[in-house]
């Protein structure tokens, strides 16, 4: 007889682990190589008739041991603690950056490799909003996403030494 699968329990465990790691749904979906909608569905605890192949990918991206998601789904195991960080998350950052990172909601982020020969520079951009995305009206959210997309394209062109696109300015 098949054991009862608690998709809600698994969804809470995935969301909790993701948040403890400081990841957005988009970042975890990207790290796992799954669609954002797939991750959203897993976190929502939607009942499924079968085990999706994406479950192992999400489990791995969270740093969980193999089989842990299934044990959680079947109520046999609690999620492990996320990997310990080697240093505090804000160590070495200026106070004004720490303040900005702790005010508002992170909507997305981008890491642009600016490495030139002999350099190890990276540009990290965190896109934040004072209002949570869930509280924005659809038009406001669309405008925010369009602006963020424009900024990401411009950053990538800079990193690739391409001339700016005057139509996006």
N, C-alpha and C. Protein backbone atom coordinates (compact mmCIF):
# COMPACT_ATOMS: atom_id res chain seq x y z
N UNK A 1 0.84 -1.19 0.00
CA UNK A 1 0.00 0.00 0.00
C UNK A 1 0.89 1.26 0.00
N UNK A 2 0.53 2.21 -0.84
CA UNK A 2 1.31 3.43 -0.96
C UNK A 2 1.07 4.33 0.25
N UNK A 3 2.14 4.90 0.79
CA UNK A 3 1.99 5.78 1.94
C UNK A 3 1.41 7.12 1.50
N UNK A 4 0.81 7.82 2.41
CA UNK A 4 0.21 9.13 2.15
C UNK A 4 1.32 10.15 1.92
N UNK A 5 1.20 10.87 0.83
CA UNK A 5 2.17 11.91 0.51
C UNK A 5 1.62 13.26 0.94
N UNK A 6 2.39 13.95 1.73
CA UNK A 6 1.97 15.25 2.24
C UNK A 6 2.68 16.35 1.46
N UNK A 7 2.05 16.76 0.35
CA UNK A 7 2.65 17.76 -0.52
C UNK A 7 2.74 19.12 0.16
N UNK A 8 1.79 19.42 1.04
CA UNK A 8 1.81 20.69 1.77
C UNK A 8 3.03 20.74 2.68
N UNK A 9 3.30 19.65 3.36
CA UNK A 9 4.47 19.57 4.24
C UNK A 9 5.76 19.77 3.45
N UNK A 10 5.85 19.11 2.31
CA UNK A 10 7.04 19.26 1.46
C UNK A 10 7.16 20.70 0.97
N UNK A 11 6.04 21.30 0.56
CA UNK A 11 6.07 22.69 0.09
C UNK A 11 6.58 23.65 1.15
N UNK A 12 6.10 23.46 2.38
CA UNK A 12 6.58 24.31 3.49
C UNK A 12 8.07 24.11 3.72
N UNK A 13 8.53 22.87 3.63
CA UNK A 13 9.95 22.57 3.86
C UNK A 13 10.82 23.21 2.78
N UNK A 14 10.38 23.14 1.53
CA UNK A 14 11.15 23.74 0.43
C UNK A 14 11.21 25.25 0.61
N UNK A 15 10.05 25.87 0.86
CA UNK A 15 10.00 27.33 1.04
C UNK A 15 10.87 27.77 2.22
N UNK A 16 10.79 27.04 3.33
CA UNK A 16 11.57 27.39 4.51
C UNK A 16 13.07 27.29 4.22
N UNK A 17 13.48 26.22 3.57
CA UNK A 17 14.91 26.04 3.25
C UNK A 17 15.38 27.12 2.29
N UNK A 18 14.55 27.44 1.30
CA UNK A 18 14.92 28.48 0.33
C UNK A 18 15.09 29.82 1.03
N UNK A 19 14.15 30.16 1.91
CA UNK A 19 14.23 31.43 2.62
C UNK A 19 15.43 31.48 3.56
N UNK A 20 15.72 30.36 4.22
CA UNK A 20 16.89 30.32 5.11
C UNK A 20 18.18 30.50 4.32
N UNK A 21 18.19 30.09 3.07
CA UNK A 21 19.36 30.27 2.22
C UNK A 21 19.38 31.66 1.59
N UNK A 22 18.31 32.45 1.83
CA UNK A 22 18.25 33.80 1.29
C UNK A 22 18.00 33.84 -0.21
N UNK A 23 17.32 32.83 -0.73
CA UNK A 23 17.08 32.75 -2.17
C UNK A 23 15.65 33.14 -2.51
N UNK A 24 15.48 33.75 -3.66
CA UNK A 24 14.15 33.99 -4.20
C UNK A 24 13.70 32.72 -4.92
N UNK A 25 12.42 32.66 -5.24
CA UNK A 25 11.95 31.52 -6.03
C UNK A 25 12.67 31.47 -7.37
N UNK A 26 12.87 32.62 -7.97
CA UNK A 26 13.55 32.67 -9.27
C UNK A 26 14.98 32.14 -9.16
N UNK A 27 15.68 32.51 -8.09
CA UNK A 27 17.06 32.07 -7.92
C UNK A 27 17.13 30.56 -7.70
N UNK A 28 16.23 30.01 -6.89
CA UNK A 28 16.23 28.56 -6.65
C UNK A 28 15.84 27.82 -7.91
N UNK A 29 14.85 28.32 -8.63
CA UNK A 29 14.44 27.67 -9.88
C UNK A 29 15.62 27.62 -10.86
N UNK A 30 16.34 28.72 -10.94
CA UNK A 30 17.50 28.79 -11.84
C UNK A 30 18.59 27.82 -11.38
N UNK A 31 18.88 27.80 -10.08
CA UNK A 31 19.91 26.91 -9.55
C UNK A 31 19.55 25.44 -9.76
N UNK A 32 18.24 25.14 -9.70
CA UNK A 32 17.80 23.76 -9.86
C UNK A 32 17.60 23.39 -11.33
N UNK A 33 17.56 24.38 -12.20
CA UNK A 33 17.32 24.12 -13.61
C UNK A 33 15.88 23.71 -13.89
N UNK A 34 14.95 24.32 -13.14
CA UNK A 34 13.52 24.04 -13.34
C UNK A 34 12.80 25.36 -13.60
N UNK A 35 11.60 25.26 -14.14
CA UNK A 35 10.79 26.45 -14.40
C UNK A 35 10.34 27.05 -13.06
N UNK A 36 10.22 28.36 -13.03
CA UNK A 36 9.77 29.04 -11.81
C UNK A 36 8.38 28.55 -11.42
N UNK A 37 7.51 28.29 -12.40
CA UNK A 37 6.16 27.79 -12.11
C UNK A 37 6.22 26.43 -11.43
N UNK A 38 7.19 25.61 -11.81
CA UNK A 38 7.36 24.30 -11.17
C UNK A 38 7.67 24.47 -9.70
N UNK A 39 8.60 25.37 -9.40
CA UNK A 39 8.96 25.62 -8.01
C UNK A 39 7.77 26.22 -7.25
N UNK A 40 7.08 27.15 -7.87
CA UNK A 40 5.91 27.78 -7.23
C UNK A 40 4.88 26.70 -6.88
N UNK A 41 4.66 25.76 -7.80
CA UNK A 41 3.70 24.67 -7.58
C UNK A 41 4.14 23.76 -6.43
N UNK A 42 5.45 23.44 -6.39
CA UNK A 42 5.96 22.60 -5.30
C UNK A 42 5.78 23.31 -3.95
N UNK A 43 6.15 24.58 -3.90
CA UNK A 43 6.03 25.33 -2.64
C UNK A 43 4.57 25.49 -2.22
N UNK A 44 3.66 25.55 -3.18
CA UNK A 44 2.24 25.70 -2.86
C UNK A 44 1.65 24.41 -2.32
N UNK A 45 2.40 23.31 -2.43
CA UNK A 45 1.93 22.04 -1.91
C UNK A 45 0.82 21.41 -2.74
N UNK A 46 0.81 21.72 -4.03
CA UNK A 46 -0.22 21.15 -4.91
C UNK A 46 -0.07 19.64 -4.99
N UNK A 47 -1.19 18.92 -4.77
CA UNK A 47 -1.18 17.46 -4.85
C UNK A 47 -0.82 17.02 -6.26
N UNK A 48 -0.04 15.96 -6.32
CA UNK A 48 0.38 15.40 -7.61
C UNK A 48 0.14 13.91 -7.58
N UNK A 49 -0.14 13.38 -8.74
CA UNK A 49 -0.36 11.94 -8.85
C UNK A 49 0.93 11.15 -8.90
N UNK A 50 2.01 11.83 -9.29
CA UNK A 50 3.31 11.15 -9.39
C UNK A 50 4.41 12.09 -8.91
N UNK A 51 5.58 11.51 -8.69
CA UNK A 51 6.72 12.31 -8.25
C UNK A 51 7.33 13.00 -9.47
N UNK A 52 7.40 14.32 -9.48
CA UNK A 52 7.97 15.01 -10.64
C UNK A 52 9.50 14.85 -10.69
N UNK A 53 10.06 14.73 -11.89
CA UNK A 53 11.52 14.61 -12.01
C UNK A 53 12.25 15.83 -11.44
N UNK A 54 11.57 16.96 -11.39
CA UNK A 54 12.18 18.18 -10.88
C UNK A 54 12.46 18.12 -9.39
N UNK A 55 11.82 17.22 -8.66
CA UNK A 55 11.97 17.17 -7.21
C UNK A 55 13.43 16.93 -6.81
N UNK A 56 14.09 16.01 -7.48
CA UNK A 56 15.50 15.74 -7.17
C UNK A 56 16.40 16.93 -7.46
N UNK A 57 16.07 17.68 -8.50
CA UNK A 57 16.86 18.87 -8.85
C UNK A 57 16.73 19.94 -7.77
N UNK A 58 15.50 20.13 -7.29
CA UNK A 58 15.26 21.13 -6.24
C UNK A 58 15.96 20.69 -4.96
N UNK A 59 15.83 19.41 -4.64
CA UNK A 59 16.47 18.84 -3.45
C UNK A 59 17.99 19.11 -3.49
N UNK A 60 18.60 18.86 -4.63
CA UNK A 60 20.04 19.07 -4.78
C UNK A 60 20.41 20.55 -4.65
N UNK A 61 19.62 21.43 -5.29
CA UNK A 61 19.90 22.87 -5.23
C UNK A 61 19.78 23.42 -3.81
N UNK A 62 18.96 22.78 -2.98
CA UNK A 62 18.82 23.19 -1.58
C UNK A 62 19.93 22.63 -0.70
N UNK A 63 20.73 21.73 -1.26
CA UNK A 63 21.81 21.12 -0.48
C UNK A 63 21.32 19.97 0.39
N UNK A 64 20.13 19.45 0.10
CA UNK A 64 19.60 18.33 0.86
C UNK A 64 20.24 17.03 0.39
N UNK A 65 20.41 16.06 1.28
CA UNK A 65 20.93 14.76 0.86
C UNK A 65 19.93 14.05 -0.06
N UNK A 66 20.44 13.19 -0.92
CA UNK A 66 19.59 12.45 -1.86
C UNK A 66 18.51 11.67 -1.11
N UNK A 67 17.28 11.76 -1.60
CA UNK A 67 16.16 11.06 -1.00
C UNK A 67 15.46 11.81 0.10
N UNK A 68 16.03 12.94 0.50
CA UNK A 68 15.47 13.68 1.62
C UNK A 68 14.09 14.24 1.30
N UNK A 69 13.89 14.73 0.08
CA UNK A 69 12.59 15.28 -0.29
C UNK A 69 11.51 14.21 -0.20
N UNK A 70 11.81 13.00 -0.64
CA UNK A 70 10.83 11.90 -0.56
C UNK A 70 10.51 11.57 0.89
N UNK A 71 11.53 11.53 1.73
CA UNK A 71 11.28 11.24 3.14
C UNK A 71 10.42 12.33 3.78
N UNK A 72 10.67 13.57 3.41
CA UNK A 72 9.86 14.68 3.91
C UNK A 72 8.43 14.56 3.40
N UNK A 73 8.29 14.25 2.14
CA UNK A 73 6.98 14.09 1.52
C UNK A 73 6.17 12.99 2.22
N UNK A 74 6.84 11.95 2.65
CA UNK A 74 6.17 10.83 3.31
C UNK A 74 6.10 10.98 4.83
N UNK A 75 6.56 12.12 5.34
CA UNK A 75 6.46 12.39 6.78
C UNK A 75 7.46 11.62 7.62
N UNK A 76 8.55 11.16 7.01
CA UNK A 76 9.52 10.35 7.74
C UNK A 76 10.76 11.13 8.15
N UNK A 77 10.81 12.39 7.83
CA UNK A 77 12.07 13.08 8.03
C UNK A 77 11.81 14.59 8.11
N UNK A 78 12.57 15.29 8.88
CA UNK A 78 12.53 16.75 8.89
C UNK A 78 13.66 17.26 8.02
N UNK A 79 13.45 18.38 7.33
CA UNK A 79 14.52 18.92 6.49
C UNK A 79 15.77 19.23 7.31
N UNK A 80 16.94 18.94 6.76
CA UNK A 80 18.18 19.26 7.47
C UNK A 80 18.39 20.77 7.51
N UNK A 81 19.21 21.18 8.43
CA UNK A 81 19.56 22.60 8.50
C UNK A 81 20.33 22.96 7.24
N UNK A 82 20.16 24.18 6.74
CA UNK A 82 20.94 24.57 5.56
C UNK A 82 22.42 24.58 5.89
N UNK A 83 23.26 24.46 4.87
CA UNK A 83 24.70 24.47 5.12
C UNK A 83 25.10 25.73 5.88
N UNK A 84 25.98 25.56 6.85
CA UNK A 84 26.43 26.70 7.65
C UNK A 84 27.23 27.65 6.78
N UNK A 85 26.98 28.93 6.96
CA UNK A 85 27.73 29.92 6.21
C UNK A 85 29.10 30.06 6.86
N UNK A 86 30.09 30.30 6.03
CA UNK A 86 31.44 30.42 6.55
C UNK A 86 31.68 31.78 7.20
N UNK A 87 30.87 32.76 6.85
CA UNK A 87 31.00 34.08 7.47
C UNK A 87 29.62 34.73 7.52
N UNK A 88 29.42 35.68 8.40
CA UNK A 88 28.13 36.36 8.46
C UNK A 88 27.81 36.98 7.10
N UNK A 89 26.53 36.99 6.69
CA UNK A 89 26.18 37.43 5.34
C UNK A 89 26.56 38.87 5.03
N UNK A 90 26.60 39.76 6.02
CA UNK A 90 26.90 41.16 5.74
C UNK A 90 28.33 41.55 6.14
N UNK A 91 29.14 40.60 6.53
CA UNK A 91 30.50 40.91 6.97
C UNK A 91 31.26 41.66 5.89
N UNK A 92 31.87 42.76 6.28
CA UNK A 92 32.69 43.53 5.37
C UNK A 92 31.94 44.51 4.49
N UNK A 93 30.62 44.54 4.58
CA UNK A 93 29.84 45.47 3.76
C UNK A 93 29.69 46.80 4.48
N UNK A 94 29.69 47.88 3.71
CA UNK A 94 29.45 49.19 4.33
C UNK A 94 28.05 49.24 4.95
N UNK A 95 27.91 50.03 6.01
CA UNK A 95 26.62 50.12 6.71
C UNK A 95 25.49 50.58 5.79
N UNK A 96 25.77 51.48 4.85
CA UNK A 96 24.70 51.94 3.96
C UNK A 96 24.19 50.81 3.06
N UNK A 97 25.06 49.87 2.70
CA UNK A 97 24.64 48.72 1.88
C UNK A 97 23.82 47.77 2.74
N UNK A 98 24.26 47.53 3.97
CA UNK A 98 23.52 46.66 4.88
C UNK A 98 22.12 47.21 5.10
N UNK A 99 22.02 48.54 5.30
CA UNK A 99 20.70 49.15 5.50
C UNK A 99 19.82 48.93 4.28
N UNK A 100 20.35 49.14 3.10
CA UNK A 100 19.55 48.96 1.88
C UNK A 100 19.12 47.51 1.71
N UNK A 101 19.98 46.56 2.05
CA UNK A 101 19.64 45.15 1.89
C UNK A 101 18.61 44.67 2.90
N UNK A 102 18.50 45.36 4.01
CA UNK A 102 17.54 44.93 5.04
C UNK A 102 16.23 45.72 5.00
N UNK A 103 16.14 46.73 4.15
CA UNK A 103 14.91 47.50 3.97
C UNK A 103 14.25 47.07 2.66
N UNK A 104 13.00 46.70 2.70
CA UNK A 104 12.29 46.33 1.47
C UNK A 104 12.38 44.85 1.16
N UNK A 105 11.86 44.50 -0.01
CA UNK A 105 11.81 43.10 -0.44
C UNK A 105 12.67 42.93 -1.68
N UNK A 106 13.54 41.90 -1.66
CA UNK A 106 14.35 41.59 -2.82
C UNK A 106 13.43 40.97 -3.87
N UNK A 107 13.40 41.56 -5.06
CA UNK A 107 12.59 41.03 -6.15
C UNK A 107 13.43 40.13 -7.06
N UNK A 108 14.71 40.43 -7.21
CA UNK A 108 15.59 39.62 -8.05
C UNK A 108 17.01 40.13 -7.85
N UNK A 109 17.96 39.44 -8.42
CA UNK A 109 19.35 39.89 -8.36
C UNK A 109 20.07 39.44 -9.61
N UNK A 110 21.21 40.01 -9.85
CA UNK A 110 22.01 39.67 -11.02
C UNK A 110 23.47 39.78 -10.63
N UNK A 111 24.26 38.83 -11.05
CA UNK A 111 25.70 38.90 -10.86
C UNK A 111 26.29 38.98 -12.26
N UNK A 112 27.02 40.05 -12.52
CA UNK A 112 27.63 40.26 -13.82
C UNK A 112 29.14 40.13 -13.66
N UNK A 113 29.72 39.21 -14.40
CA UNK A 113 31.17 38.99 -14.35
C UNK A 113 31.85 40.09 -15.13
N UNK A 114 32.64 40.91 -14.45
CA UNK A 114 33.37 41.99 -15.10
C UNK A 114 34.85 41.66 -15.24
N UNK A 115 35.17 40.39 -15.13
CA UNK A 115 36.56 39.96 -15.10
C UNK A 115 37.29 40.36 -16.37
N UNK A 116 38.36 41.06 -16.18
CA UNK A 116 39.30 41.40 -17.24
C UNK A 116 40.60 40.68 -16.90
N UNK A 117 41.47 40.47 -17.86
CA UNK A 117 42.73 39.80 -17.53
C UNK A 117 43.42 40.47 -16.33
N UNK A 118 43.75 39.65 -15.34
CA UNK A 118 44.41 40.14 -14.14
C UNK A 118 43.46 40.67 -13.08
N UNK A 119 42.15 40.59 -13.31
CA UNK A 119 41.17 41.11 -12.36
C UNK A 119 40.21 40.01 -11.93
N UNK A 120 39.60 40.19 -10.79
CA UNK A 120 38.59 39.22 -10.33
C UNK A 120 37.34 39.97 -9.87
N UNK A 121 36.96 41.00 -10.60
CA UNK A 121 35.83 41.85 -10.22
C UNK A 121 34.51 41.26 -10.70
N UNK A 122 33.49 41.48 -9.87
CA UNK A 122 32.11 41.12 -10.22
C UNK A 122 31.22 42.26 -9.79
N UNK A 123 30.16 42.45 -10.52
CA UNK A 123 29.16 43.44 -10.17
C UNK A 123 27.94 42.67 -9.67
N UNK A 124 27.51 42.97 -8.46
CA UNK A 124 26.33 42.32 -7.90
C UNK A 124 25.27 43.40 -7.74
N UNK A 125 24.14 43.19 -8.40
CA UNK A 125 23.04 44.13 -8.33
C UNK A 125 21.86 43.42 -7.69
N UNK A 126 21.32 44.03 -6.65
CA UNK A 126 20.15 43.48 -5.98
C UNK A 126 19.00 44.42 -6.28
N UNK A 127 17.96 43.89 -6.89
CA UNK A 127 16.80 44.69 -7.27
C UNK A 127 15.76 44.55 -6.17
N UNK A 128 15.47 45.67 -5.51
CA UNK A 128 14.56 45.65 -4.36
C UNK A 128 13.40 46.60 -4.57
N UNK A 129 12.36 46.37 -3.81
CA UNK A 129 11.19 47.23 -3.85
C UNK A 129 10.74 47.51 -2.42
N UNK A 130 10.23 48.71 -2.19
CA UNK A 130 9.69 49.03 -0.87
C UNK A 130 8.40 48.28 -0.62
N UNK A 131 7.66 47.97 -1.69
CA UNK A 131 6.39 47.24 -1.57
C UNK A 131 6.60 45.80 -2.04
N UNK A 132 6.13 44.81 -1.29
CA UNK A 132 6.22 43.44 -1.77
C UNK A 132 5.49 43.28 -3.09
N UNK A 133 6.02 42.42 -3.97
CA UNK A 133 5.43 42.21 -5.28
C UNK A 133 3.96 41.81 -5.18
N UNK A 134 3.60 41.06 -4.15
CA UNK A 134 2.23 40.60 -3.99
C UNK A 134 1.26 41.76 -3.74
N UNK A 135 1.78 42.89 -3.27
CA UNK A 135 0.92 44.04 -2.98
C UNK A 135 0.81 45.02 -4.16
N UNK A 136 1.61 44.80 -5.21
CA UNK A 136 1.59 45.71 -6.36
C UNK A 136 0.42 45.36 -7.28
N UNK A 137 -0.14 46.40 -7.91
CA UNK A 137 -1.16 46.10 -8.90
C UNK A 137 -0.43 45.58 -10.15
N UNK A 138 -1.13 44.84 -11.01
CA UNK A 138 -0.47 44.21 -12.17
C UNK A 138 0.29 45.19 -13.06
N UNK A 139 -0.24 46.38 -13.26
CA UNK A 139 0.44 47.36 -14.11
C UNK A 139 1.75 47.84 -13.47
N UNK A 140 1.71 48.07 -12.18
CA UNK A 140 2.91 48.50 -11.46
C UNK A 140 3.96 47.40 -11.49
N UNK A 141 3.56 46.15 -11.27
CA UNK A 141 4.50 45.03 -11.31
C UNK A 141 5.09 44.88 -12.70
N UNK A 142 4.27 45.00 -13.74
CA UNK A 142 4.76 44.91 -15.11
C UNK A 142 5.80 45.98 -15.38
N UNK A 143 5.54 47.21 -14.94
CA UNK A 143 6.49 48.31 -15.13
C UNK A 143 7.80 48.03 -14.40
N UNK A 144 7.71 47.49 -13.18
CA UNK A 144 8.92 47.15 -12.41
C UNK A 144 9.74 46.09 -13.16
N UNK A 145 9.08 45.07 -13.67
CA UNK A 145 9.78 43.99 -14.38
C UNK A 145 10.41 44.51 -15.66
N UNK A 146 9.70 45.37 -16.39
CA UNK A 146 10.26 45.95 -17.62
C UNK A 146 11.51 46.76 -17.32
N UNK A 147 11.46 47.57 -16.26
CA UNK A 147 12.63 48.38 -15.89
C UNK A 147 13.80 47.50 -15.49
N UNK A 148 13.55 46.48 -14.70
CA UNK A 148 14.60 45.56 -14.27
C UNK A 148 15.21 44.85 -15.47
N UNK A 149 14.40 44.43 -16.42
CA UNK A 149 14.89 43.76 -17.62
C UNK A 149 15.79 44.69 -18.42
N UNK A 150 15.39 45.96 -18.54
CA UNK A 150 16.20 46.96 -19.25
C UNK A 150 17.56 47.14 -18.57
N UNK A 151 17.57 47.22 -17.25
CA UNK A 151 18.81 47.39 -16.50
C UNK A 151 19.71 46.15 -16.66
N UNK A 152 19.14 44.96 -16.60
CA UNK A 152 19.94 43.74 -16.77
C UNK A 152 20.61 43.71 -18.14
N UNK A 153 19.86 44.05 -19.20
CA UNK A 153 20.44 44.06 -20.55
C UNK A 153 21.61 45.04 -20.61
N UNK A 154 21.41 46.21 -20.04
CA UNK A 154 22.47 47.23 -20.07
C UNK A 154 23.71 46.74 -19.32
N UNK A 155 23.52 46.09 -18.18
CA UNK A 155 24.67 45.58 -17.41
C UNK A 155 25.43 44.52 -18.21
N UNK A 156 24.69 43.64 -18.88
CA UNK A 156 25.35 42.59 -19.66
C UNK A 156 26.15 43.18 -20.81
N UNK A 157 25.59 44.22 -21.45
CA UNK A 157 26.33 44.87 -22.55
C UNK A 157 27.60 45.52 -22.03
N UNK A 158 27.52 46.14 -20.88
CA UNK A 158 28.71 46.76 -20.29
C UNK A 158 29.77 45.69 -20.03
N UNK A 159 29.36 44.56 -19.45
CA UNK A 159 30.30 43.49 -19.14
C UNK A 159 30.92 42.91 -20.40
N UNK A 160 30.19 42.95 -21.50
CA UNK A 160 30.70 42.40 -22.76
C UNK A 160 31.34 43.46 -23.63
N UNK A 161 31.54 44.67 -23.08
CA UNK A 161 32.14 45.80 -23.81
C UNK A 161 31.39 46.14 -25.08
N UNK A 162 30.07 46.00 -25.06
CA UNK A 162 29.25 46.38 -26.21
C UNK A 162 28.82 47.82 -26.03
N UNK A 163 28.62 48.53 -27.13
CA UNK A 163 28.13 49.91 -26.99
C UNK A 163 26.73 49.94 -26.43
N UNK A 164 26.38 50.99 -25.70
CA UNK A 164 25.04 51.06 -25.13
C UNK A 164 23.97 51.15 -26.23
N UNK A 165 22.80 50.68 -25.92
CA UNK A 165 21.67 50.75 -26.83
C UNK A 165 20.90 52.02 -26.48
N UNK A 166 20.99 53.02 -27.34
CA UNK A 166 20.36 54.32 -27.04
C UNK A 166 18.85 54.23 -26.97
N UNK A 167 18.25 53.21 -27.57
CA UNK A 167 16.80 53.04 -27.52
C UNK A 167 16.31 52.61 -26.16
N UNK A 168 17.19 52.06 -25.31
CA UNK A 168 16.79 51.60 -23.99
C UNK A 168 17.06 52.61 -22.89
N UNK A 169 17.75 53.65 -23.19
CA UNK A 169 18.11 54.63 -22.16
C UNK A 169 16.92 55.37 -21.64
